[in-house]
Amino acid sequence: MQLEIKHNINEVLKLSEKELNKKKDEIQDIIVRELTYATNKAKEDAPYRTGTLRRGIMFNIIDLKKNWHFQVISIAPYSSYVEFGTVKMKPRPFFFKNIDKAVENIKKKAKAVK
C-alpha cells in the first residue's frame, strides 16, 4: 500500500486569506524548499535493494495559487510495510518523520515572514 500526505496549507499555517496573499511568494519558496529537502531526505533514509522505493517518493504542488495544497507520496506498493513494519519485519521509518518535520519547519518559517 502506498503512503500519502496531503495538506491544505491554509489549515497548516492558520493565516487569514489576506495575510497569505501578502506573503504568497515567500511562503511558496519556503514550501518548495522544505518539501524538496524532506523528499530527498526520505529517499536517503529509505532502505535500498532495487531502488523502486526511493524512486517512488515525490511531492506535488496542487493548485498552489488558489487552494494551496501539497501532496507527498511514496508510490511503491510496499511503502507502508517498510514504514510501519509487519508481523515478520520491524518498521524502518523513512517517510512520515521527514515530512512531518518539513511541515513543522514550514509553519515556523512562514510565521516569521514579514
Protein backbone atom coordinates (compact mmCIF):
# COMPACT_ATOMS: atom_id res chain seq x y z
CA MET A 1 0.00 0.00 0.00
CA GLN A 2 1.37 3.41 -0.92
CA LEU A 3 1.81 6.30 1.52
CA GLU A 4 0.41 9.79 1.07
CA ILE A 5 0.30 13.03 3.00
CA LYS A 6 -1.92 15.81 1.71
CA HIS A 7 -2.23 19.20 3.39
CA ASN A 8 -4.16 22.36 2.82
CA ILE A 9 -1.59 25.00 3.69
CA ASN A 10 -4.28 27.41 4.95
CA GLU A 11 -5.10 24.90 7.69
CA VAL A 12 -1.44 24.23 8.45
CA LEU A 13 -0.44 27.89 8.80
CA LYS A 14 -3.72 29.23 10.22
CA LEU A 15 -3.25 32.55 8.43
CA SER A 16 -6.01 34.71 7.02
CA GLU A 17 -6.52 34.84 3.26
CA LYS A 18 -5.23 38.42 3.25
CA GLU A 19 -2.04 37.52 5.13
CA LEU A 20 -1.48 34.51 2.92
CA ASN A 21 -1.82 36.53 -0.29
CA LYS A 22 0.52 39.21 1.02
CA LYS A 23 3.26 36.66 1.81
CA LYS A 24 2.46 34.27 -1.05
CA ASP A 25 5.75 34.29 -2.96
CA GLU A 26 7.92 33.90 0.10
CA ILE A 27 5.74 31.15 1.56
CA GLN A 28 5.71 29.30 -1.78
CA ASP A 29 9.51 29.37 -1.78
CA ILE A 30 9.58 28.01 1.78
CA ILE A 31 7.16 25.19 0.89
CA VAL A 32 9.12 24.12 -2.19
CA ARG A 33 12.47 24.31 -0.38
CA GLU A 34 11.29 22.36 2.67
CA LEU A 35 9.42 19.68 0.72
CA THR A 36 12.32 19.22 -1.68
CA TYR A 37 14.64 18.70 1.27
CA ALA A 38 12.17 16.36 3.02
CA THR A 39 11.57 14.18 -0.03
CA ASN A 40 15.31 13.95 -0.67
CA LYS A 41 15.87 13.01 2.97
CA ALA A 42 13.09 10.38 2.80
CA LYS A 43 14.75 8.92 -0.30
CA GLU A 44 18.07 8.86 1.52
CA ASP A 45 16.51 7.17 4.58
CA ALA A 46 14.53 4.60 2.58
CA PRO A 47 16.07 1.12 2.58
CA TYR A 48 17.69 0.27 -0.73
CA ARG A 49 17.52 -3.01 -2.57
CA THR A 50 16.25 -2.31 -6.09
CA GLY A 51 15.72 1.46 -5.89
CA THR A 52 11.97 1.26 -6.50
CA LEU A 53 11.10 2.64 -3.05
CA ARG A 54 13.43 5.62 -3.41
CA ARG A 55 12.36 6.41 -6.97
CA GLY A 56 8.70 6.38 -5.92
CA ILE A 57 8.96 9.20 -3.37
CA MET A 58 7.83 12.57 -4.72
CA PHE A 59 5.88 15.69 -3.93
CA ASN A 60 3.32 17.61 -5.94
CA ILE A 61 2.02 21.10 -5.51
CA ILE A 62 -1.66 21.13 -6.34
CA ASP A 63 -3.22 24.43 -7.34
CA LEU A 64 -0.90 26.40 -5.09
CA LYS A 65 -2.20 29.78 -6.29
CA LYS A 66 -5.81 29.11 -5.27
CA ASN A 67 -6.15 26.40 -2.63
CA TRP A 68 -2.57 25.93 -1.52
CA HIS A 69 -2.48 22.12 -1.37
CA PHE A 70 0.61 19.99 -1.42
CA GLN A 71 0.92 16.24 -1.56
CA VAL A 72 3.86 13.99 -0.72
CA ILE A 73 3.63 10.36 -1.82
CA SER A 74 5.56 7.13 -1.88
CA ILE A 75 4.06 5.07 -4.69
CA ALA A 76 5.87 1.77 -4.15
CA PRO A 77 3.13 -0.75 -3.30
CA TYR A 78 5.04 -1.94 -0.22
CA SER A 79 5.84 1.52 1.23
CA SER A 80 3.58 1.15 4.25
CA TYR A 81 5.07 -2.25 5.11
CA VAL A 82 8.54 -0.73 5.22
CA GLU A 83 7.38 2.36 7.15
CA PHE A 84 5.27 0.55 9.76
CA GLY A 85 6.61 -3.00 9.64
CA THR A 86 4.75 -6.29 9.56
CA VAL A 87 4.44 -9.26 11.85
CA LYS A 88 7.69 -10.61 10.42
CA MET A 89 9.54 -7.35 9.74
CA LYS A 90 10.35 -4.49 12.07
CA PRO A 91 9.46 -0.94 10.97
CA ARG A 92 12.03 1.09 9.08
CA PRO A 93 10.57 4.61 9.15
CA PHE A 94 11.69 6.78 6.26
CA PHE A 95 8.64 8.79 5.20
CA PHE A 96 6.46 10.40 7.86
CA LYS A 97 9.30 11.51 10.16
CA ASN A 98 10.82 13.59 7.36
CA ILE A 99 7.57 15.02 6.03
CA ASP A 100 6.24 15.88 9.50
CA LYS A 101 9.49 17.70 10.24
CA ALA A 102 9.14 19.65 6.97
CA VAL A 103 5.58 20.69 7.85
CA GLU A 104 6.77 21.98 11.23
CA ASN A 105 9.59 23.89 9.52
CA ILE A 106 7.12 25.38 7.03
CA LYS A 107 4.94 26.58 9.92
CA LYS A 108 7.86 28.20 11.75
CA LYS A 109 9.41 29.84 8.71
CA ALA A 110 6.08 31.05 7.25
CA LYS A 111 5.12 32.72 10.52
CA ALA A 112 8.49 34.51 10.53
CA VAL A 113 7.88 36.02 7.07
CA LYS A 114 7.05 39.72 7.31
